N, C-alpha and C. Protein backbone atom coordinates (compact mmCIF):
# COMPACT_ATOMS: atom_id res chain seq x y z
N UNK A 1 81.01 86.52 182.08
CA UNK A 1 82.16 85.96 182.77
C UNK A 1 82.36 86.64 184.12
N UNK A 2 82.01 87.95 184.21
CA UNK A 2 82.16 88.68 185.47
C UNK A 2 81.25 88.08 186.54
N UNK A 3 80.07 87.69 186.15
CA UNK A 3 79.14 87.09 187.09
C UNK A 3 79.68 85.76 187.59
N UNK A 4 80.23 84.99 186.73
CA UNK A 4 80.80 83.70 187.13
C UNK A 4 81.97 83.89 188.09
N UNK A 5 82.80 84.91 187.84
CA UNK A 5 83.92 85.17 188.75
C UNK A 5 83.40 85.62 190.12
N UNK A 6 82.38 86.44 190.09
CA UNK A 6 81.80 86.89 191.37
C UNK A 6 81.26 85.69 192.15
N UNK A 7 80.55 84.85 191.46
CA UNK A 7 80.01 83.65 192.13
C UNK A 7 81.14 82.77 192.65
N UNK A 8 82.17 82.65 191.82
CA UNK A 8 83.31 81.81 192.20
C UNK A 8 83.96 82.35 193.48
N UNK A 9 84.25 83.65 193.48
CA UNK A 9 84.90 84.23 194.66
C UNK A 9 84.00 84.16 195.89
N UNK A 10 82.75 84.42 195.68
CA UNK A 10 81.82 84.38 196.81
C UNK A 10 81.80 82.98 197.42
N UNK A 11 81.67 81.94 196.57
CA UNK A 11 81.59 80.58 197.11
C UNK A 11 82.92 80.16 197.73
N UNK A 12 84.03 80.57 197.07
CA UNK A 12 85.34 80.23 197.62
C UNK A 12 85.56 80.94 198.94
N UNK A 13 85.18 82.20 198.99
CA UNK A 13 85.33 82.98 200.21
C UNK A 13 84.52 82.36 201.34
N UNK A 14 83.32 81.97 201.02
CA UNK A 14 82.47 81.41 202.06
C UNK A 14 82.99 80.05 202.51
N UNK A 15 83.49 79.24 201.53
CA UNK A 15 83.95 77.89 201.87
C UNK A 15 85.29 77.90 202.59
N UNK A 16 86.22 78.66 202.08
CA UNK A 16 87.58 78.53 202.59
C UNK A 16 87.96 79.60 203.59
N UNK A 17 87.48 80.78 203.37
CA UNK A 17 88.00 81.87 204.17
C UNK A 17 87.25 82.11 205.48
N UNK A 18 86.05 81.87 205.43
CA UNK A 18 85.31 82.12 206.66
C UNK A 18 85.55 80.97 207.62
N UNK A 19 86.30 81.31 208.56
CA UNK A 19 86.56 80.31 209.59
C UNK A 19 85.56 80.56 210.70
N UNK A 20 84.80 79.58 210.97
CA UNK A 20 83.78 79.75 212.00
C UNK A 20 84.42 79.43 213.36
N UNK A 21 84.24 80.35 214.14
CA UNK A 21 84.76 80.18 215.50
C UNK A 21 83.77 79.31 216.26
N UNK A 22 84.32 78.57 217.10
CA UNK A 22 83.39 77.77 217.90
C UNK A 22 82.51 78.70 218.75
N UNK A 23 81.38 78.24 218.95
CA UNK A 23 80.41 79.01 219.71
C UNK A 23 80.97 79.23 221.13
N UNK A 24 81.04 80.46 221.47
CA UNK A 24 81.51 80.77 222.82
C UNK A 24 80.47 81.63 223.50
N UNK A 25 80.69 81.68 224.57
CA UNK A 25 79.79 82.58 225.27
C UNK A 25 80.43 83.95 225.25
N UNK A 26 79.72 84.84 224.65
CA UNK A 26 80.24 86.18 224.51
C UNK A 26 80.29 86.93 225.85
N UNK A 27 79.66 86.37 226.80
CA UNK A 27 79.63 87.06 228.07
C UNK A 27 81.00 87.04 228.74
N UNK A 28 81.77 85.99 228.46
CA UNK A 28 83.05 85.85 229.13
C UNK A 28 84.15 86.64 228.44
N UNK A 29 83.94 87.08 227.18
CA UNK A 29 84.99 87.78 226.44
C UNK A 29 84.89 89.28 226.68
N UNK A 30 86.04 89.86 226.80
CA UNK A 30 86.07 91.30 226.99
C UNK A 30 85.96 91.97 225.63
N UNK A 31 85.57 93.25 225.64
CA UNK A 31 85.46 93.93 224.34
C UNK A 31 86.81 93.99 223.63
N UNK A 32 87.90 94.10 224.35
CA UNK A 32 89.23 94.15 223.73
C UNK A 32 89.51 92.82 223.08
N UNK A 33 89.15 91.73 223.70
CA UNK A 33 89.38 90.40 223.14
C UNK A 33 88.52 90.22 221.90
N UNK A 34 87.31 90.69 222.03
CA UNK A 34 86.44 90.59 220.85
C UNK A 34 87.00 91.41 219.70
N UNK A 35 87.51 92.59 220.00
CA UNK A 35 88.10 93.44 218.96
C UNK A 35 89.30 92.75 218.34
N UNK A 36 90.15 92.17 219.19
CA UNK A 36 91.33 91.43 218.69
C UNK A 36 90.89 90.24 217.84
N UNK A 37 89.87 89.57 218.31
CA UNK A 37 89.35 88.41 217.56
C UNK A 37 88.83 88.86 216.21
N UNK A 38 88.11 89.97 216.19
CA UNK A 38 87.57 90.49 214.92
C UNK A 38 88.70 90.95 214.00
N UNK A 39 89.71 91.57 214.59
CA UNK A 39 90.86 92.00 213.78
C UNK A 39 91.59 90.78 213.19
N UNK A 40 91.75 89.77 214.03
CA UNK A 40 92.40 88.55 213.55
C UNK A 40 91.59 87.94 212.41
N UNK A 41 90.29 87.88 212.59
CA UNK A 41 89.41 87.35 211.55
C UNK A 41 89.52 88.23 210.29
N UNK A 42 89.55 89.54 210.50
CA UNK A 42 89.65 90.45 209.36
C UNK A 42 90.98 90.28 208.64
N UNK A 43 92.07 90.10 209.41
CA UNK A 43 93.39 89.86 208.80
C UNK A 43 93.39 88.56 208.00
N UNK A 44 92.77 87.53 208.58
CA UNK A 44 92.70 86.25 207.87
C UNK A 44 91.92 86.39 206.57
N UNK A 45 90.80 87.12 206.66
CA UNK A 45 89.99 87.34 205.46
C UNK A 45 90.77 88.16 204.44
N UNK A 46 91.46 89.22 204.90
CA UNK A 46 92.26 90.05 203.99
C UNK A 46 93.38 89.25 203.36
N UNK A 47 94.05 88.39 204.14
CA UNK A 47 95.12 87.54 203.59
C UNK A 47 94.54 86.57 202.55
N UNK A 48 93.40 85.99 202.90
CA UNK A 48 92.77 85.07 201.96
C UNK A 48 92.37 85.82 200.68
N UNK A 49 91.84 87.03 200.89
CA UNK A 49 91.45 87.83 199.73
C UNK A 49 92.67 88.21 198.91
N UNK A 50 93.77 88.58 199.54
CA UNK A 50 95.00 88.90 198.82
C UNK A 50 95.51 87.68 198.06
N UNK A 51 95.45 86.51 198.72
CA UNK A 51 95.88 85.29 198.05
C UNK A 51 95.01 85.02 196.83
N UNK A 52 93.72 85.24 196.98
CA UNK A 52 92.82 85.02 195.84
C UNK A 52 93.09 86.05 194.74
N UNK A 53 93.36 87.30 195.17
CA UNK A 53 93.67 88.32 194.17
C UNK A 53 94.95 87.95 193.41
N UNK A 54 95.96 87.48 194.16
CA UNK A 54 97.20 87.06 193.50
C UNK A 54 96.94 85.89 192.55
N UNK A 55 96.15 84.92 193.02
CA UNK A 55 95.82 83.78 192.18
C UNK A 55 95.06 84.24 190.94
N UNK A 56 94.10 85.16 191.17
CA UNK A 56 93.34 85.69 190.04
C UNK A 56 94.26 86.44 189.08
N UNK A 57 95.17 87.26 189.65
CA UNK A 57 96.12 88.02 188.83
C UNK A 57 97.00 87.07 188.02
N UNK A 58 97.46 85.99 188.64
CA UNK A 58 98.30 85.02 187.95
C UNK A 58 97.52 84.34 186.83
N UNK A 59 96.26 84.01 187.13
CA UNK A 59 95.43 83.39 186.09
C UNK A 59 95.20 84.37 184.95
N UNK A 60 94.96 85.64 185.27
CA UNK A 60 94.76 86.65 184.22
C UNK A 60 96.03 86.82 183.38
N UNK A 61 97.19 86.83 184.05
CA UNK A 61 98.46 86.93 183.31
C UNK A 61 98.65 85.70 182.42
N UNK A 62 98.34 84.55 182.96
CA UNK A 62 98.44 83.32 182.17
C UNK A 62 97.51 83.37 180.97
N UNK A 63 96.28 83.83 181.20
CA UNK A 63 95.34 83.96 180.09
C UNK A 63 95.83 84.99 179.07
N UNK A 64 96.40 86.09 179.58
CA UNK A 64 96.93 87.11 178.67
C UNK A 64 98.08 86.53 177.83
N UNK A 65 98.94 85.75 178.46
CA UNK A 65 100.05 85.11 177.73
C UNK A 65 99.50 84.14 176.68
N UNK A 66 98.48 83.37 177.08
CA UNK A 66 97.87 82.44 176.12
C UNK A 66 97.24 83.19 174.96
N UNK A 67 96.57 84.33 175.28
CA UNK A 67 95.94 85.14 174.23
C UNK A 67 97.02 85.66 173.27
N UNK A 68 98.12 86.19 173.84
CA UNK A 68 99.21 86.70 173.01
C UNK A 68 99.80 85.58 172.15
N UNK A 69 99.97 84.41 172.74
CA UNK A 69 100.50 83.26 172.00
C UNK A 69 99.55 82.88 170.86
N UNK A 70 98.25 82.87 171.16
CA UNK A 70 97.26 82.55 170.13
C UNK A 70 97.27 83.60 169.01
N UNK A 71 97.39 84.88 169.39
CA UNK A 71 97.45 85.94 168.38
C UNK A 71 98.71 85.79 167.52
N UNK A 72 99.83 85.44 168.17
CA UNK A 72 101.08 85.24 167.42
C UNK A 72 100.92 84.07 166.46
N UNK A 73 100.33 82.98 166.94
CA UNK A 73 100.13 81.81 166.08
C UNK A 73 99.15 82.13 164.95
N UNK A 74 98.11 82.91 165.27
CA UNK A 74 97.15 83.31 164.23
C UNK A 74 97.85 84.15 163.17
N UNK A 75 98.72 85.07 163.62
CA UNK A 75 99.48 85.90 162.69
C UNK A 75 100.39 85.03 161.81
N UNK A 76 101.07 84.06 162.43
CA UNK A 76 101.92 83.15 161.67
C UNK A 76 101.11 82.35 160.66
N UNK A 77 99.94 81.91 161.10
CA UNK A 77 99.07 81.14 160.22
C UNK A 77 98.62 81.98 159.03
N UNK A 78 98.28 83.25 159.29
CA UNK A 78 97.88 84.14 158.20
C UNK A 78 99.03 84.35 157.23
N UNK A 79 100.24 84.57 157.77
CA UNK A 79 101.40 84.74 156.90
C UNK A 79 101.66 83.48 156.08
N UNK A 80 101.54 82.35 156.74
CA UNK A 80 101.73 81.08 156.04
C UNK A 80 100.69 80.91 154.93
N UNK A 81 99.46 81.29 155.23
CA UNK A 81 98.38 81.20 154.24
C UNK A 81 98.65 82.13 153.06
N UNK A 82 99.10 83.36 153.37
CA UNK A 82 99.43 84.30 152.30
C UNK A 82 100.57 83.78 151.43
N UNK A 83 101.59 83.20 152.07
CA UNK A 83 102.71 82.64 151.30
C UNK A 83 102.22 81.49 150.43
N UNK A 84 101.33 80.67 150.99
CA UNK A 84 100.83 79.53 150.22
C UNK A 84 99.99 80.01 149.04
N UNK A 85 99.16 81.05 149.27
CA UNK A 85 98.38 81.63 148.16
C UNK A 85 99.30 82.18 147.08
N UNK A 86 100.35 82.87 147.51
CA UNK A 86 101.32 83.41 146.56
C UNK A 86 101.99 82.27 145.79
N UNK A 87 102.34 81.21 146.50
CA UNK A 87 102.95 80.04 145.86
C UNK A 87 102.01 79.45 144.82
N UNK A 88 100.72 79.33 145.18
CA UNK A 88 99.75 78.77 144.24
C UNK A 88 99.60 79.65 143.01
N UNK A 89 99.56 80.98 143.23
CA UNK A 89 99.46 81.89 142.09
C UNK A 89 100.68 81.79 141.19
N UNK A 90 101.87 81.75 141.80
CA UNK A 90 103.09 81.61 141.01
C UNK A 90 103.09 80.28 140.27
N UNK A 91 102.64 79.24 140.95
CA UNK A 91 102.60 77.92 140.33
C UNK A 91 101.64 77.91 139.14
N UNK A 92 100.46 78.53 139.32
CA UNK A 92 99.50 78.63 138.21
C UNK A 92 100.09 79.43 137.05
N UNK A 93 100.78 80.51 137.38
CA UNK A 93 101.40 81.33 136.36
C UNK A 93 102.46 80.54 135.60
N UNK A 94 103.30 79.81 136.34
CA UNK A 94 104.33 78.99 135.70
C UNK A 94 103.69 77.92 134.83
N UNK A 95 102.62 77.32 135.32
CA UNK A 95 101.95 76.27 134.55
C UNK A 95 101.37 76.85 133.27
N UNK A 96 100.76 78.03 133.38
CA UNK A 96 100.20 78.68 132.19
C UNK A 96 101.30 79.01 131.18
N UNK A 97 102.42 79.53 131.69
CA UNK A 97 103.53 79.84 130.78
C UNK A 97 104.07 78.57 130.14
N UNK A 98 104.17 77.49 130.92
CA UNK A 98 104.68 76.22 130.37
C UNK A 98 103.73 75.68 129.31
N UNK A 99 102.42 75.78 129.55
CA UNK A 99 101.45 75.30 128.55
C UNK A 99 101.56 76.14 127.28
N UNK A 100 101.66 77.46 127.44
CA UNK A 100 101.79 78.34 126.26
C UNK A 100 103.08 78.04 125.52
N UNK A 101 104.18 77.85 126.27
CA UNK A 101 105.46 77.55 125.64
C UNK A 101 105.39 76.23 124.88
N UNK A 102 104.77 75.21 125.49
CA UNK A 102 104.64 73.91 124.82
C UNK A 102 103.80 74.06 123.55
N UNK A 103 102.72 74.84 123.63
CA UNK A 103 101.87 75.07 122.45
C UNK A 103 102.66 75.78 121.36
N UNK A 104 103.41 76.82 121.74
CA UNK A 104 104.22 77.56 120.76
C UNK A 104 105.27 76.65 120.14
N UNK A 105 105.89 75.81 120.96
CA UNK A 105 106.91 74.89 120.44
C UNK A 105 106.30 73.87 119.48
N UNK A 106 105.09 73.39 119.81
CA UNK A 106 104.41 72.47 118.88
C UNK A 106 104.13 73.16 117.55
N UNK A 107 103.63 74.40 117.62
CA UNK A 107 103.36 75.14 116.39
C UNK A 107 104.64 75.38 115.60
N UNK A 108 105.71 75.72 116.28
CA UNK A 108 106.99 75.95 115.63
C UNK A 108 107.49 74.65 114.99
N UNK A 109 107.32 73.53 115.71
CA UNK A 109 107.74 72.24 115.17
C UNK A 109 106.94 71.90 113.91
N UNK A 110 105.63 72.14 113.94
CA UNK A 110 104.80 71.88 112.75
C UNK A 110 105.26 72.74 111.57
N UNK A 111 105.54 74.02 111.86
CA UNK A 111 106.00 74.91 110.79
C UNK A 111 107.34 74.42 110.24
N UNK A 112 108.23 73.99 111.12
CA UNK A 112 109.53 73.48 110.68
C UNK A 112 109.36 72.21 109.86
N UNK A 113 108.43 71.35 110.27
CA UNK A 113 108.19 70.12 109.50
C UNK A 113 107.67 70.45 108.11
N UNK A 114 106.78 71.46 108.01
CA UNK A 114 106.29 71.90 106.70
C UNK A 114 107.46 72.43 105.88
N UNK A 115 108.34 73.24 106.51
CA UNK A 115 109.51 73.77 105.80
C UNK A 115 110.42 72.64 105.34
N UNK A 116 110.62 71.66 106.21
CA UNK A 116 111.49 70.53 105.86
C UNK A 116 110.91 69.78 104.66
N UNK A 117 109.61 69.54 104.68
CA UNK A 117 108.96 68.85 103.56
C UNK A 117 109.12 69.65 102.28
N UNK A 118 108.87 70.96 102.36
CA UNK A 118 109.01 71.83 101.19
C UNK A 118 110.44 71.83 100.68
N UNK A 119 111.40 71.96 101.60
CA UNK A 119 112.81 72.01 101.20
C UNK A 119 113.26 70.67 100.61
N UNK A 120 112.75 69.57 101.15
CA UNK A 120 113.09 68.25 100.57
C UNK A 120 112.57 68.15 99.14
N UNK A 121 111.34 68.61 98.95
CA UNK A 121 110.75 68.58 97.61
C UNK A 121 111.56 69.46 96.67
N UNK A 122 111.93 70.67 97.13
CA UNK A 122 112.76 71.55 96.30
C UNK A 122 114.11 70.93 96.01
N UNK A 123 114.67 70.26 97.02
CA UNK A 123 115.97 69.62 96.84
C UNK A 123 115.87 68.50 95.80
N UNK A 124 114.78 67.74 95.86
CA UNK A 124 114.59 66.68 94.87
C UNK A 124 114.45 67.27 93.47
N UNK A 125 113.68 68.37 93.36
CA UNK A 125 113.52 69.02 92.07
C UNK A 125 114.85 69.56 91.56
N UNK A 126 115.62 70.20 92.46
CA UNK A 126 116.92 70.74 92.06
C UNK A 126 117.89 69.61 91.69
N UNK A 127 117.81 68.51 92.41
CA UNK A 127 118.66 67.37 92.11
C UNK A 127 118.32 66.80 90.73
N UNK A 128 117.01 66.71 90.44
CA UNK A 128 116.59 66.22 89.12
C UNK A 128 117.05 67.18 88.03
N UNK A 129 116.91 68.50 88.29
CA UNK A 129 117.36 69.50 87.31
C UNK A 129 118.87 69.42 87.12
N UNK A 130 119.60 69.24 88.20
CA UNK A 130 121.05 69.09 88.11
C UNK A 130 121.41 67.86 87.26
N UNK A 131 120.69 66.77 87.49
CA UNK A 131 120.95 65.56 86.70
C UNK A 131 120.69 65.82 85.21
N UNK A 132 119.59 66.54 84.91
CA UNK A 132 119.29 66.87 83.50
C UNK A 132 120.42 67.71 82.89
N UNK A 133 120.88 68.73 83.66
CA UNK A 133 121.96 69.57 83.15
C UNK A 133 123.26 68.78 83.02
N UNK A 134 123.46 67.88 83.94
CA UNK A 134 124.68 67.05 83.87
C UNK A 134 124.65 66.19 82.61
N UNK A 135 123.50 65.59 82.30
CA UNK A 135 123.38 64.78 81.08
C UNK A 135 123.56 65.64 79.84
N UNK A 136 122.95 66.85 79.88
CA UNK A 136 123.09 67.77 78.76
C UNK A 136 124.54 68.18 78.58
N UNK A 137 125.24 68.41 79.71
CA UNK A 137 126.64 68.80 79.67
C UNK A 137 127.48 67.67 79.09
N UNK A 138 127.19 66.47 79.54
CA UNK A 138 127.94 65.32 79.00
C UNK A 138 127.66 65.16 77.51
N UNK A 139 126.40 65.37 77.11
CA UNK A 139 126.02 65.25 75.71
C UNK A 139 126.71 66.32 74.87
N UNK A 140 126.79 67.55 75.42
CA UNK A 140 127.38 68.66 74.66
C UNK A 140 128.89 68.77 74.82
N UNK A 141 129.48 67.95 75.67
CA UNK A 141 130.94 68.03 75.85
C UNK A 141 131.67 67.66 74.55
N UNK A 142 131.03 66.87 73.71
CA UNK A 142 131.61 66.51 72.41
C UNK A 142 131.81 67.77 71.58
N UNK A 143 130.83 68.69 71.61
CA UNK A 143 130.93 69.93 70.85
C UNK A 143 132.00 70.84 71.42
N UNK A 144 132.14 70.84 72.75
CA UNK A 144 133.18 71.64 73.39
C UNK A 144 134.55 71.16 72.92
N UNK A 145 134.72 69.86 72.91
CA UNK A 145 136.02 69.29 72.46
C UNK A 145 136.26 69.63 70.98
N UNK A 146 135.20 69.55 70.18
CA UNK A 146 135.32 69.88 68.75
C UNK A 146 135.74 71.33 68.58
N UNK A 147 135.10 72.24 69.33
CA UNK A 147 135.41 73.67 69.24
C UNK A 147 136.84 73.93 69.68
N UNK A 148 137.29 73.24 70.70
CA UNK A 148 138.66 73.43 71.17
C UNK A 148 139.66 72.95 70.09
N UNK A 149 139.34 71.86 69.40
CA UNK A 149 140.23 71.36 68.33
C UNK A 149 140.27 72.35 67.17
N UNK A 150 139.10 72.92 66.84
CA UNK A 150 139.04 73.92 65.76
C UNK A 150 139.87 75.13 66.13
N UNK A 151 139.72 75.59 67.34
CA UNK A 151 140.46 76.76 67.80
C UNK A 151 141.96 76.49 67.77
N UNK A 152 142.40 75.29 68.14
CA UNK A 152 143.83 74.94 68.13
C UNK A 152 144.35 74.82 66.69
N UNK A 153 143.51 74.41 65.79
CA UNK A 153 143.96 74.17 64.42
C UNK A 153 144.05 75.47 63.59
N UNK A 154 143.46 76.53 64.03
CA UNK A 154 143.47 77.79 63.27
C UNK A 154 144.08 78.90 64.10
N UNK A 155 144.73 79.82 63.40
CA UNK A 155 145.32 80.98 64.10
C UNK A 155 144.37 82.17 64.08
N UNK A 156 143.26 82.07 63.38
CA UNK A 156 142.33 83.16 63.23
C UNK A 156 141.58 83.46 64.54
N UNK A 157 141.30 82.43 65.33
CA UNK A 157 140.54 82.58 66.57
C UNK A 157 141.44 82.24 67.76
N UNK A 158 141.49 83.16 68.75
CA UNK A 158 142.33 82.91 69.93
C UNK A 158 141.58 82.15 71.03
N UNK A 159 140.25 82.26 71.01
CA UNK A 159 139.45 81.57 72.01
C UNK A 159 138.23 80.97 71.37
N UNK A 160 137.61 80.02 72.08
CA UNK A 160 136.40 79.37 71.59
C UNK A 160 135.28 80.40 71.48
N UNK A 161 135.26 81.39 72.36
CA UNK A 161 134.23 82.43 72.33
C UNK A 161 134.28 83.21 71.01
N UNK A 162 135.46 83.40 70.50
CA UNK A 162 135.60 84.12 69.23
C UNK A 162 134.93 83.33 68.10
N UNK A 163 135.10 82.02 68.13
CA UNK A 163 134.47 81.16 67.11
C UNK A 163 132.95 81.28 67.22
N UNK A 164 132.45 81.24 68.43
CA UNK A 164 131.00 81.30 68.64
C UNK A 164 130.45 82.66 68.23
N UNK A 165 131.19 83.72 68.49
CA UNK A 165 130.76 85.06 68.08
C UNK A 165 130.70 85.15 66.56
N UNK A 166 131.68 84.55 65.90
CA UNK A 166 131.69 84.54 64.44
C UNK A 166 130.49 83.77 63.91
N UNK A 167 130.17 82.68 64.55
CA UNK A 167 129.01 81.87 64.15
C UNK A 167 127.73 82.67 64.30
N UNK A 168 127.60 83.35 65.44
CA UNK A 168 126.40 84.17 65.67
C UNK A 168 126.28 85.26 64.59
N UNK A 169 127.39 85.86 64.19
CA UNK A 169 127.39 86.89 63.15
C UNK A 169 126.93 86.30 61.81
N UNK A 170 127.46 85.15 61.47
CA UNK A 170 127.08 84.49 60.22
C UNK A 170 125.60 84.12 60.22
N UNK A 171 125.09 83.63 61.33
CA UNK A 171 123.68 83.25 61.42
C UNK A 171 122.83 84.50 61.26
N UNK A 172 123.20 85.59 61.91
CA UNK A 172 122.44 86.83 61.82
C UNK A 172 122.46 87.36 60.39
N UNK A 173 123.61 87.32 59.72
CA UNK A 173 123.74 87.78 58.34
C UNK A 173 122.87 86.93 57.43
N UNK A 174 122.93 85.63 57.63
CA UNK A 174 122.13 84.71 56.83
C UNK A 174 120.64 85.00 57.04
N UNK A 175 120.27 85.24 58.25
CA UNK A 175 118.87 85.52 58.58
C UNK A 175 118.42 86.81 57.91
N UNK A 176 119.27 87.83 57.93
CA UNK A 176 118.95 89.11 57.30
C UNK A 176 118.78 88.89 55.79
N UNK A 177 119.67 88.15 55.17
CA UNK A 177 119.60 87.89 53.73
C UNK A 177 118.32 87.12 53.41
N UNK A 178 118.02 86.15 54.24
CA UNK A 178 116.83 85.34 54.00
C UNK A 178 115.58 86.22 54.11
N UNK A 179 115.53 87.09 55.10
CA UNK A 179 114.40 87.99 55.28
C UNK A 179 114.32 88.96 54.09
N UNK A 180 115.46 89.44 53.65
CA UNK A 180 115.50 90.38 52.54
C UNK A 180 115.00 89.72 51.26
N UNK A 181 115.46 88.51 51.01
CA UNK A 181 115.02 87.81 49.80
C UNK A 181 113.53 87.47 49.88
N UNK A 182 113.04 87.12 51.07
CA UNK A 182 111.63 86.83 51.23
C UNK A 182 110.82 88.09 51.00
N UNK A 183 111.30 89.20 51.44
CA UNK A 183 110.63 90.47 51.26
C UNK A 183 110.59 90.86 49.78
N UNK A 184 111.67 90.68 49.08
CA UNK A 184 111.73 91.01 47.64
C UNK A 184 110.76 90.11 46.89
N UNK A 185 110.76 88.89 47.23
CA UNK A 185 109.86 87.95 46.58
C UNK A 185 108.42 88.36 46.83
N UNK A 186 108.12 88.75 48.01
CA UNK A 186 106.77 89.15 48.38
C UNK A 186 106.39 90.44 47.63
N UNK A 187 107.31 91.37 47.57
CA UNK A 187 107.06 92.62 46.89
C UNK A 187 106.92 92.40 45.38
N UNK A 188 107.74 91.47 44.88
CA UNK A 188 107.67 91.17 43.46
C UNK A 188 106.34 90.55 43.09
N UNK A 189 105.77 89.79 43.95
CA UNK A 189 104.48 89.15 43.69
C UNK A 189 103.40 90.22 43.70
N UNK A 190 103.52 91.17 44.53
CA UNK A 190 102.51 92.20 44.67
C UNK A 190 102.58 93.15 43.47
N UNK A 191 103.78 93.50 42.97
CA UNK A 191 103.91 94.51 41.92
C UNK A 191 103.49 93.93 40.62
């Protein structure tokens, strides 16, 4: 780029700055006039060179501003890219959690459905058992009423439980007597 700038300035300097004086006869000019003419030419060249330097400086400043603007935009683009990458990672993470949650909920629902089926079956079994007990209760309610009438008709028993305890005692006594007689009979056969 330095070579191109050198070529540019050289061609511009030659084209624009060098003002060719008309051919004069140098014999008629005094050395002071020639010196003044050379100084004037030198001033013109220096002014042109200063103008070019200013133009070059302005272009360099403009390029520097553009470079800074591009760097700022590049920085913004990088930040935007990082934010987008972070967004994608978060989105993937959320999606993974949502998929896992949906899977867990499906498994939980299946387990609950199995529990519901089991509990319905148990409920049906318990309902059938309740119905059996209800029928048995209705069937045996006749005996309850009979026991209550017996208890009311006698002063010996204050509650139905007392009657039942007496019955259990009689059954046990009868059983003992029956066992005893069976044993005697058995022993008698042996002796």
